[in-house]
Amino acid sequence: MPVVMARTRFMAQAERFEVDPLSGSVRSGGKTLGMNELQWDVPTCGAVYGVLLNYRGVLDAIGIIGGSSWVPPRAPCLFVKPANTWIAYGDAIPLPQDVESIEAGAALGIVMGKTACRVAAVDALNFVAGYTIVNDICESHQGSDRPATRQRCRDGFCAIGPWVMPRQSVPSPDNLMLRVLVNGVLQAENTTANTIRSVATLIADVSEFVTLSAGDILHIGVPENAPAIEAGDRVRIEFDGIGALENRVVAEREILTGGSR
């Protein structure tokens, strides 16, 4: 079983766990537990950055809408998911009272192991501690070629976890299958092989103008056709070789009045 770094709500810092990414079973303290038997916390406490327009399908869709006048950006379109957005495996995703549905954004999260500033792509993976799963929640909006702060940065709009899979256990981060299931039904499927920038190239390009620190997460972007989810839905994001991140969508008013986690 791979050894990952993870935190529960009773831990001051991340600790080692043996896990089975396929079944989701966890070995801790000599016991084998199911995912829902532990109260997970976000596995790292660094900054969280996301990237737009890094999947070919997204660029193709925008190109069709924008026509010949649209020119793809030359540099990564970077945005920040602030701390108010972070939630862990099993936490409720709040559905704001003024919207009917939100989008589930399946993203591979690169977890930095040491400071990266102006690193070369050939050296970039040496700065990576491992990988996690990010659900970059977003309200539907127009203008996909630029960050939408209001739509992306509402409370609880970034689920992360459940753990950090070490880099050595993920030999091919640029060829991982991902799936999004809503209430157990497959709604989207893609592969990180469809990204514009590889993991190494993305780190190099971003670290050219942003210093990435140990513990920071840089997610590689969300594929096209992000599934819509609404109150009562259970969304599960799977990345082969890493595991699965699962959360339930709950009406914001229910959470504010003491609804379920």
C-alpha atoms as a PDB file:
ATOM      1  CA  MET A   1       0.000   0.000   0.000  1.00  0.00           C
ATOM      2  CA  PRO A   2       1.363   3.467  -0.879  1.00  0.00           C
ATOM      3  CA  VAL A   3       2.288   5.774   1.995  1.00  0.00           C
ATOM      4  CA  VAL A   4       0.670   9.210   1.709  1.00  0.00           C
ATOM      5  CA  MET A   5       0.671  12.413   3.743  1.00  0.00           C
ATOM      6  CA  ALA A   6      -2.705  13.403   5.157  1.00  0.00           C
ATOM      7  CA  ARG A   7      -4.352  15.208   8.046  1.00  0.00           C
ATOM      8  CA  THR A   8      -7.429  14.633  10.130  1.00  0.00           C
ATOM      9  CA  ARG A   9      -9.137  17.318  12.186  1.00  0.00           C
ATOM     10  CA  PHE A  10      -7.283  16.162  15.284  1.00  0.00           C
ATOM     11  CA  MET A  11      -3.800  16.570  13.777  1.00  0.00           C
ATOM     12  CA  ALA A  12      -1.710  19.733  13.955  1.00  0.00           C
ATOM     13  CA  GLN A  13       0.210  18.660  10.863  1.00  0.00           C
ATOM     14  CA  ALA A  14       0.127  16.015   8.168  1.00  0.00           C
ATOM     15  CA  GLU A  15       1.145  12.471   9.072  1.00  0.00           C
ATOM     16  CA  ARG A  16       1.845   9.269   7.141  1.00  0.00           C
ATOM     17  CA  PHE A  17      -0.947   6.853   6.275  1.00  0.00           C
ATOM     18  CA  GLU A  18      -0.941   3.643   4.290  1.00  0.00           C
ATOM     19  CA  VAL A  19      -3.753   3.742   1.746  1.00  0.00           C
ATOM     20  CA  ASP A  20      -5.297   1.705  -1.038  1.00  0.00           C
ATOM     21  CA  PRO A  21      -6.272   4.276  -3.714  1.00  0.00           C
ATOM     22  CA  LEU A  22      -8.653   1.840  -5.410  1.00  0.00           C
ATOM     23  CA  SER A  23     -10.725   0.790  -2.410  1.00  0.00           C
ATOM     24  CA  GLY A  24     -10.139   3.921  -0.353  1.00  0.00           C
ATOM     25  CA  SER A  25      -9.142   1.901   2.707  1.00  0.00           C
ATOM     26  CA  VAL A  26      -6.684   3.507   5.126  1.00  0.00           C
ATOM     27  CA  ARG A  27      -4.296   1.857   7.543  1.00  0.00           C
ATOM     28  CA  SER A  28      -3.554   3.858  10.667  1.00  0.00           C
ATOM     29  CA  GLY A  29      -2.474   2.803  14.139  1.00  0.00           C
ATOM     30  CA  GLY A  30      -2.546  -0.863  13.174  1.00  0.00           C
ATOM     31  CA  LYS A  31      -6.189  -0.658  12.033  1.00  0.00           C
ATOM     32  CA  THR A  32      -7.693  -0.678   8.544  1.00  0.00           C
ATOM     33  CA  LEU A  33     -10.430   1.932   8.211  1.00  0.00           C
ATOM     34  CA  GLY A  34     -12.836   3.101   5.535  1.00  0.00           C
ATOM     35  CA  MET A  35     -12.646   6.651   4.193  1.00  0.00           C
ATOM     36  CA  ASN A  36     -15.735   7.782   6.064  1.00  0.00           C
ATOM     37  CA  GLU A  37     -14.419   6.556   9.407  1.00  0.00           C
ATOM     38  CA  LEU A  38     -11.951   9.441   9.586  1.00  0.00           C
ATOM     39  CA  GLN A  39     -12.654  13.183   9.790  1.00  0.00           C
ATOM     40  CA  TRP A  40     -10.365  14.481   7.074  1.00  0.00           C
ATOM     41  CA  ASP A  41      -8.802  17.903   6.889  1.00  0.00           C
ATOM     42  CA  VAL A  42      -7.202  19.690   3.943  1.00  0.00           C
ATOM     43  CA  PRO A  43      -3.830  17.910   3.558  1.00  0.00           C
ATOM     44  CA  THR A  44      -1.680  21.042   3.143  1.00  0.00           C
ATOM     45  CA  CYS A  45      -1.883  24.657   4.262  1.00  0.00           C
ATOM     46  CA  GLY A  46      -0.061  26.558   1.509  1.00  0.00           C
ATOM     47  CA  ALA A  47      -1.548  28.852  -1.107  1.00  0.00           C
ATOM     48  CA  VAL A  48      -3.800  27.289  -3.749  1.00  0.00           C
ATOM     49  CA  TYR A  49      -3.479  28.412  -7.365  1.00  0.00           C
ATOM     50  CA  GLY A  50      -5.496  27.337 -10.360  1.00  0.00           C
ATOM     51  CA  VAL A  51      -4.950  27.653 -14.101  1.00  0.00           C
ATOM     52  CA  LEU A  52      -7.492  28.382 -16.819  1.00  0.00           C
ATOM     53  CA  LEU A  53      -7.421  27.187 -20.438  1.00  0.00           C
ATOM     54  CA  ASN A  54      -5.006  24.312 -19.960  1.00  0.00           C
ATOM     55  CA  TYR A  55      -7.139  21.615 -21.610  1.00  0.00           C
ATOM     56  CA  ARG A  56      -7.341  21.401 -25.387  1.00  0.00           C
ATOM     57  CA  GLY A  57     -11.094  20.826 -25.259  1.00  0.00           C
ATOM     58  CA  VAL A  58     -11.608  24.088 -23.385  1.00  0.00           C
ATOM     59  CA  LEU A  59      -9.571  26.021 -25.948  1.00  0.00           C
ATOM     60  CA  ASP A  60     -11.441  24.358 -28.802  1.00  0.00           C
ATOM     61  CA  ALA A  61     -14.813  25.313 -27.304  1.00  0.00           C
ATOM     62  CA  ILE A  62     -13.814  28.943 -26.771  1.00  0.00           C
ATOM     63  CA  GLY A  63     -12.332  29.108 -30.250  1.00  0.00           C
ATOM     64  CA  ILE A  64     -15.649  28.029 -31.766  1.00  0.00           C
ATOM     65  CA  ILE A  65     -17.508  30.736 -29.840  1.00  0.00           C
ATOM     66  CA  GLY A  66     -14.913  33.457 -30.347  1.00  0.00           C
ATOM     67  CA  GLY A  67     -14.209  32.734 -33.983  1.00  0.00           C
ATOM     68  CA  SER A  68     -11.067  33.707 -35.832  1.00  0.00           C
ATOM     69  CA  SER A  69     -10.635  36.896 -33.752  1.00  0.00           C
ATOM     70  CA  TRP A  70      -9.904  34.983 -30.524  1.00  0.00           C
ATOM     71  CA  VAL A  71      -6.236  34.481 -29.690  1.00  0.00           C
ATOM     72  CA  PRO A  72      -5.236  32.012 -26.911  1.00  0.00           C
ATOM     73  CA  PRO A  73      -3.106  33.523 -24.133  1.00  0.00           C
ATOM     74  CA  ARG A  74       0.630  32.926 -24.343  1.00  0.00           C
ATOM     75  CA  ALA A  75       1.190  32.708 -20.567  1.00  0.00           C
ATOM     76  CA  PRO A  76      -0.745  30.642 -17.998  1.00  0.00           C
ATOM     77  CA  CYS A  77      -3.983  32.286 -16.821  1.00  0.00           C
ATOM     78  CA  LEU A  78      -3.424  31.998 -13.093  1.00  0.00           C
ATOM     79  CA  PHE A  79      -5.945  32.610 -10.304  1.00  0.00           C
ATOM     80  CA  VAL A  80      -6.070  32.077  -6.541  1.00  0.00           C
ATOM     81  CA  LYS A  81      -8.442  29.945  -4.467  1.00  0.00           C
ATOM     82  CA  PRO A  82      -8.250  31.710  -1.066  1.00  0.00           C
ATOM     83  CA  ALA A  83      -8.488  29.970   2.298  1.00  0.00           C
ATOM     84  CA  ASN A  84     -12.225  30.647   2.681  1.00  0.00           C
ATOM     85  CA  THR A  85     -12.850  28.286  -0.237  1.00  0.00           C
ATOM     86  CA  TRP A  86     -10.972  25.284   1.167  1.00  0.00           C
ATOM     87  CA  ILE A  87     -12.893  22.259   2.388  1.00  0.00           C
ATOM     88  CA  ALA A  88     -11.795  18.657   2.960  1.00  0.00           C
ATOM     89  CA  TYR A  89     -12.997  15.238   1.870  1.00  0.00           C
ATOM     90  CA  GLY A  90     -16.503  14.684   3.219  1.00  0.00           C
ATOM     91  CA  ASP A  91     -17.237  18.347   3.935  1.00  0.00           C
ATOM     92  CA  ALA A  92     -20.374  19.911   2.504  1.00  0.00           C
ATOM     93  CA  ILE A  93     -20.101  22.026  -0.640  1.00  0.00           C
ATOM     94  CA  PRO A  94     -22.334  25.068  -0.010  1.00  0.00           C
ATOM     95  CA  LEU A  95     -24.849  25.883  -2.733  1.00  0.00           C
ATOM     96  CA  PRO A  96     -25.434  29.658  -2.515  1.00  0.00           C
ATOM     97  CA  GLN A  97     -29.017  30.763  -2.093  1.00  0.00           C
ATOM     98  CA  ASP A  98     -28.967  32.851  -5.268  1.00  0.00           C
ATOM     99  CA  VAL A  99     -27.960  30.056  -7.685  1.00  0.00           C
ATOM    100  CA  GLU A 100     -29.631  26.801  -8.728  1.00  0.00           C
ATOM    101  CA  SER A 101     -26.525  24.796  -9.596  1.00  0.00           C
ATOM    102  CA  ILE A 102     -22.736  24.982  -9.642  1.00  0.00           C
ATOM    103  CA  GLU A 103     -20.022  23.240 -11.643  1.00  0.00           C
ATOM    104  CA  ALA A 104     -17.757  20.460 -10.369  1.00  0.00           C
ATOM    105  CA  GLY A 105     -14.215  21.091 -11.578  1.00  0.00           C
ATOM    106  CA  ALA A 106     -11.959  18.023 -11.545  1.00  0.00           C
ATOM    107  CA  ALA A 107      -8.328  19.128 -11.272  1.00  0.00           C
ATOM    108  CA  LEU A 108      -5.005  17.487 -10.504  1.00  0.00           C
ATOM    109  CA  GLY A 109      -3.265  19.393  -7.722  1.00  0.00           C
ATOM    110  CA  ILE A 110       0.530  19.644  -7.783  1.00  0.00           C
ATOM    111  CA  VAL A 111       1.822  19.930  -4.211  1.00  0.00           C
ATOM    112  CA  MET A 112       5.141  21.722  -3.995  1.00  0.00           C
ATOM    113  CA  GLY A 113       7.882  20.209  -1.848  1.00  0.00           C
ATOM    114  CA  LYS A 114      10.274  23.161  -1.877  1.00  0.00           C
ATOM    115  CA  THR A 115      10.498  26.737  -3.093  1.00  0.00           C
ATOM    116  CA  ALA A 116      10.352  27.064  -6.869  1.00  0.00           C
ATOM    117  CA  CYS A 117      11.373  30.356  -8.457  1.00  0.00           C
ATOM    118  CA  ARG A 118      12.231  30.553 -12.158  1.00  0.00           C
ATOM    119  CA  VAL A 119      12.892  26.844 -12.415  1.00  0.00           C
ATOM    120  CA  ALA A 120      13.544  25.109 -15.724  1.00  0.00           C
ATOM    121  CA  ALA A 121      11.032  22.554 -16.974  1.00  0.00           C
ATOM    122  CA  VAL A 122      13.728  19.878 -17.009  1.00  0.00           C
ATOM    123  CA  ASP A 123      14.197  20.347 -13.235  1.00  0.00           C
ATOM    124  CA  ALA A 124      10.603  21.178 -12.271  1.00  0.00           C
ATOM    125  CA  LEU A 125       9.474  17.766 -11.009  1.00  0.00           C
ATOM    126  CA  ASN A 126      12.311  17.806  -8.460  1.00  0.00           C
ATOM    127  CA  PHE A 127      10.391  20.573  -6.692  1.00  0.00           C
ATOM    128  CA  VAL A 128       7.203  18.491  -6.366  1.00  0.00           C
ATOM    129  CA  ALA A 129       6.288  16.676  -3.147  1.00  0.00           C
ATOM    130  CA  GLY A 130       3.309  14.881  -4.635  1.00  0.00           C
ATOM    131  CA  TYR A 131      -0.209  15.183  -6.005  1.00  0.00           C
ATOM    132  CA  THR A 132      -3.697  15.641  -4.610  1.00  0.00           C
ATOM    133  CA  ILE A 133      -7.218  16.041  -6.002  1.00  0.00           C
ATOM    134  CA  VAL A 134      -8.952  19.404  -6.262  1.00  0.00           C
ATOM    135  CA  ASN A 135     -12.621  20.064  -6.927  1.00  0.00           C
ATOM    136  CA  ASP A 136     -12.505  23.638  -8.210  1.00  0.00           C
ATOM    137  CA  ILE A 137     -16.148  24.593  -7.729  1.00  0.00           C
ATOM    138  CA  CYS A 138     -17.440  27.455  -9.843  1.00  0.00           C
ATOM    139  CA  GLU A 139     -20.711  29.166 -10.685  1.00  0.00           C
ATOM    140  CA  SER A 140     -21.573  29.139 -14.349  1.00  0.00           C
ATOM    141  CA  HIS A 141     -20.518  32.431 -15.974  1.00  0.00           C
ATOM    142  CA  GLN A 142     -19.557  34.065 -19.235  1.00  0.00           C
ATOM    143  CA  GLY A 143     -15.982  34.936 -20.150  1.00  0.00           C
ATOM    144  CA  SER A 144     -14.021  31.694 -19.755  1.00  0.00           C
ATOM    145  CA  ASP A 145     -10.735  33.352 -20.752  1.00  0.00           C
ATOM    146  CA  ARG A 146     -10.324  35.233 -17.456  1.00  0.00           C
ATOM    147  CA  PRO A 147     -10.781  34.433 -13.760  1.00  0.00           C
ATOM    148  CA  ALA A 148     -14.192  35.180 -12.266  1.00  0.00           C
ATOM    149  CA  THR A 149     -13.481  36.041  -8.647  1.00  0.00           C
ATOM    150  CA  ARG A 150     -17.053  36.102  -7.394  1.00  0.00           C
ATOM    151  CA  GLN A 151     -17.947  32.848  -9.118  1.00  0.00           C
ATOM    152  CA  ARG A 152     -14.795  30.961  -8.042  1.00  0.00           C
ATOM    153  CA  CYS A 153     -14.032  32.317  -4.575  1.00  0.00           C
ATOM    154  CA  ARG A 154     -17.216  31.799  -2.578  1.00  0.00           C
ATOM    155  CA  ASP A 155     -17.010  29.959   0.737  1.00  0.00           C
ATOM    156  CA  GLY A 156     -16.438  26.221   0.334  1.00  0.00           C
ATOM    157  CA  PHE A 157     -15.720  26.374  -3.401  1.00  0.00           C
ATOM    158  CA  CYS A 158     -12.500  24.347  -3.322  1.00  0.00           C
ATOM    159  CA  ALA A 159     -12.492  20.788  -2.015  1.00  0.00           C
ATOM    160  CA  ILE A 160      -8.991  19.331  -1.610  1.00  0.00           C
ATOM    161  CA  GLY A 161      -7.730  15.891  -0.690  1.00  0.00           C
ATOM    162  CA  PRO A 162      -8.016  13.449   0.736  1.00  0.00           C
ATOM    163  CA  TRP A 163      -4.221  13.106   0.830  1.00  0.00           C
ATOM    164  CA  VAL A 164      -0.963  13.912  -0.943  1.00  0.00           C
ATOM    165  CA  MET A 165       0.267  10.980  -3.011  1.00  0.00           C
ATOM    166  CA  PRO A 166       4.097  11.133  -3.187  1.00  0.00           C
ATOM    167  CA  ARG A 167       5.630  12.078  -6.526  1.00  0.00           C
ATOM    168  CA  GLN A 168       7.494   8.777  -6.696  1.00  0.00           C
ATOM    169  CA  SER A 169       4.163   6.912  -6.635  1.00  0.00           C
ATOM    170  CA  VAL A 170       2.824   8.862  -9.633  1.00  0.00           C
ATOM    171  CA  PRO A 171       5.397   8.282 -12.393  1.00  0.00           C
ATOM    172  CA  SER A 172       3.206   9.682 -15.208  1.00  0.00           C
ATOM    173  CA  PRO A 173       1.215  12.720 -13.979  1.00  0.00           C
ATOM    174  CA  ASP A 174       0.702  13.775 -17.604  1.00  0.00           C
ATOM    175  CA  ASN A 175      -1.206  10.600 -18.431  1.00  0.00           C
ATOM    176  CA  LEU A 176      -3.769  10.103 -15.662  1.00  0.00           C
ATOM    177  CA  MET A 177      -7.394   9.187 -16.277  1.00  0.00           C
ATOM    178  CA  LEU A 178      -9.918  11.244 -14.331  1.00  0.00           C
ATOM    179  CA  ARG A 179     -13.619  10.775 -13.811  1.00  0.00           C
ATOM    180  CA  VAL A 180     -16.448  12.796 -12.266  1.00  0.00           C
ATOM    181  CA  LEU A 181     -19.388  10.855 -10.852  1.00  0.00           C
ATOM    182  CA  VAL A 182     -22.563  12.496  -9.559  1.00  0.00           C
ATOM    183  CA  ASN A 183     -24.726  10.278  -7.360  1.00  0.00           C
ATOM    184  CA  GLY A 184     -22.733   7.310  -8.596  1.00  0.00           C
ATOM    185  CA  VAL A 185     -23.304   8.032 -12.292  1.00  0.00           C
ATOM    186  CA  LEU A 186     -20.372   8.883 -14.551  1.00  0.00           C
ATOM    187  CA  GLN A 187     -20.825  12.438 -15.850  1.00  0.00           C
ATOM    188  CA  ALA A 188     -17.383  13.307 -17.225  1.00  0.00           C
ATOM    189  CA  GLU A 189     -14.183  11.537 -18.156  1.00  0.00           C
ATOM    190  CA  ASN A 190     -10.877  12.868 -19.439  1.00  0.00           C
ATOM    191  CA  THR A 191      -7.119  12.485 -19.157  1.00  0.00           C
ATOM    192  CA  THR A 192      -4.286  14.794 -18.162  1.00  0.00           C
ATOM    193  CA  ALA A 193      -2.715  13.845 -21.497  1.00  0.00           C
ATOM    194  CA  ASN A 194      -5.101  16.426 -23.001  1.00  0.00           C
ATOM    195  CA  THR A 195      -3.498  19.399 -21.242  1.00  0.00           C
ATOM    196  CA  ILE A 196      -1.698  22.149 -23.152  1.00  0.00           C
ATOM    197  CA  ARG A 197       1.111  22.464 -20.624  1.00  0.00           C
ATOM    198  CA  SER A 198       2.558  19.400 -18.923  1.00  0.00           C
ATOM    199  CA  VAL A 199       3.074  19.419 -15.155  1.00  0.00           C
ATOM    200  CA  ALA A 200       6.761  20.304 -15.556  1.00  0.00           C
ATOM    201  CA  THR A 201       6.107  23.015 -18.149  1.00  0.00           C
ATOM    202  CA  LEU A 202       3.329  24.536 -16.053  1.00  0.00           C
ATOM    203  CA  ILE A 203       5.569  24.771 -12.979  1.00  0.00           C
ATOM    204  CA  ALA A 204       8.311  26.369 -15.068  1.00  0.00           C
ATOM    205  CA  ASP A 205       5.966  28.890 -16.682  1.00  0.00           C
ATOM    206  CA  VAL A 206       4.196  29.860 -13.457  1.00  0.00           C
ATOM    207  CA  SER A 207       7.377  30.053 -11.367  1.00  0.00           C
ATOM    208  CA  GLU A 208       8.686  32.541 -13.918  1.00  0.00           C
ATOM    209  CA  PHE A 209       6.467  35.199 -12.301  1.00  0.00           C
ATOM    210  CA  VAL A 210       5.185  33.621  -9.041  1.00  0.00           C
ATOM    211  CA  THR A 211       7.406  31.996  -6.425  1.00  0.00           C
ATOM    212  CA  LEU A 212       5.823  28.710  -5.370  1.00  0.00           C
ATOM    213  CA  SER A 213       6.571  27.655  -1.785  1.00  0.00           C
ATOM    214  CA  ALA A 214       6.616  24.279  -0.068  1.00  0.00           C
ATOM    215  CA  GLY A 215       3.033  23.248   0.679  1.00  0.00           C
ATOM    216  CA  ASP A 216       1.510  25.352  -2.099  1.00  0.00           C
ATOM    217  CA  ILE A 217      -0.892  23.669  -4.513  1.00  0.00           C
ATOM    218  CA  LEU A 218      -0.935  24.483  -8.223  1.00  0.00           C
ATOM    219  CA  HIS A 219      -3.775  22.740  -9.993  1.00  0.00           C
ATOM    220  CA  ILE A 220      -3.384  22.068 -13.692  1.00  0.00           C
ATOM    221  CA  GLY A 221      -6.851  23.195 -14.764  1.00  0.00           C
ATOM    222  CA  VAL A 222     -10.358  21.835 -15.271  1.00  0.00           C
ATOM    223  CA  PRO A 223     -11.373  19.958 -18.453  1.00  0.00           C
ATOM    224  CA  GLU A 224     -14.233  20.978 -20.704  1.00  0.00           C
ATOM    225  CA  ASN A 225     -17.864  20.103 -19.920  1.00  0.00           C
ATOM    226  CA  ALA A 226     -17.667  20.393 -16.135  1.00  0.00           C
ATOM    227  CA  PRO A 227     -20.805  18.685 -14.739  1.00  0.00           C
ATOM    228  CA  ALA A 228     -23.500  20.776 -13.074  1.00  0.00           C
ATOM    229  CA  ILE A 229     -24.344  19.797  -9.492  1.00  0.00           C
ATOM    230  CA  GLU A 230     -27.092  20.926  -7.163  1.00  0.00           C
ATOM    231  CA  ALA A 231     -28.288  20.534  -3.587  1.00  0.00           C
ATOM    232  CA  GLY A 232     -28.450  16.898  -2.512  1.00  0.00           C
ATOM    233  CA  ASP A 233     -25.949  15.671  -5.093  1.00  0.00           C
ATOM    234  CA  ARG A 234     -22.910  13.668  -4.079  1.00  0.00           C
ATOM    235  CA  VAL A 235     -19.941  14.379  -6.318  1.00  0.00           C
ATOM    236  CA  ARG A 236     -16.940  12.090  -6.570  1.00  0.00           C
ATOM    237  CA  ILE A 237     -13.747  12.904  -8.464  1.00  0.00           C
ATOM    238  CA  GLU A 238     -11.377  10.039  -9.220  1.00  0.00           C
ATOM    239  CA  PHE A 239      -7.797  10.180 -10.461  1.00  0.00           C
ATOM    240  CA  ASP A 240      -6.175   6.863 -11.288  1.00  0.00           C
ATOM    241  CA  GLY A 241      -3.227   6.165  -9.011  1.00  0.00           C
ATOM    242  CA  ILE A 242      -4.135   8.920  -6.564  1.00  0.00           C
ATOM    243  CA  GLY A 243      -7.577   8.140  -5.171  1.00  0.00           C
ATOM    244  CA  ALA A 244     -10.972   9.812  -4.940  1.00  0.00           C
ATOM    245  CA  LEU A 245     -12.366  13.017  -3.449  1.00  0.00           C
ATOM    246  CA  GLU A 246     -16.012  12.928  -2.437  1.00  0.00           C
ATOM    247  CA  ASN A 247     -18.329  15.663  -1.141  1.00  0.00           C
ATOM    248  CA  ARG A 248     -22.054  16.350  -0.954  1.00  0.00           C
ATOM    249  CA  VAL A 249     -23.713  19.555  -2.122  1.00  0.00           C
ATOM    250  CA  VAL A 250     -25.801  21.173   0.610  1.00  0.00           C
ATOM    251  CA  ALA A 251     -27.933  24.320   0.453  1.00  0.00           C
ATOM    252  CA  GLU A 252     -25.991  27.142   2.079  1.00  0.00           C
ATOM    253  CA  ARG A 253     -28.874  28.008   4.385  1.00  0.00           C
ATOM    254  CA  GLU A 254     -28.835  24.445   5.762  1.00  0.00           C
ATOM    255  CA  ILE A 255     -25.157  24.740   6.616  1.00  0.00           C
ATOM    256  CA  LEU A 256     -25.644  28.143   8.246  1.00  0.00           C
ATOM    257  CA  THR A 257     -28.367  26.695  10.458  1.00  0.00           C
ATOM    258  CA  GLY A 258     -26.317  23.691  11.521  1.00  0.00           C
ATOM    259  CA  GLY A 259     -26.903  21.251   8.681  1.00  0.00           C
ATOM    260  CA  SER A 260     -24.856  18.149   8.005  1.00  0.00           C
ATOM    261  CA  ARG A 261     -21.122  18.185   7.325  1.00  0.00           C
END
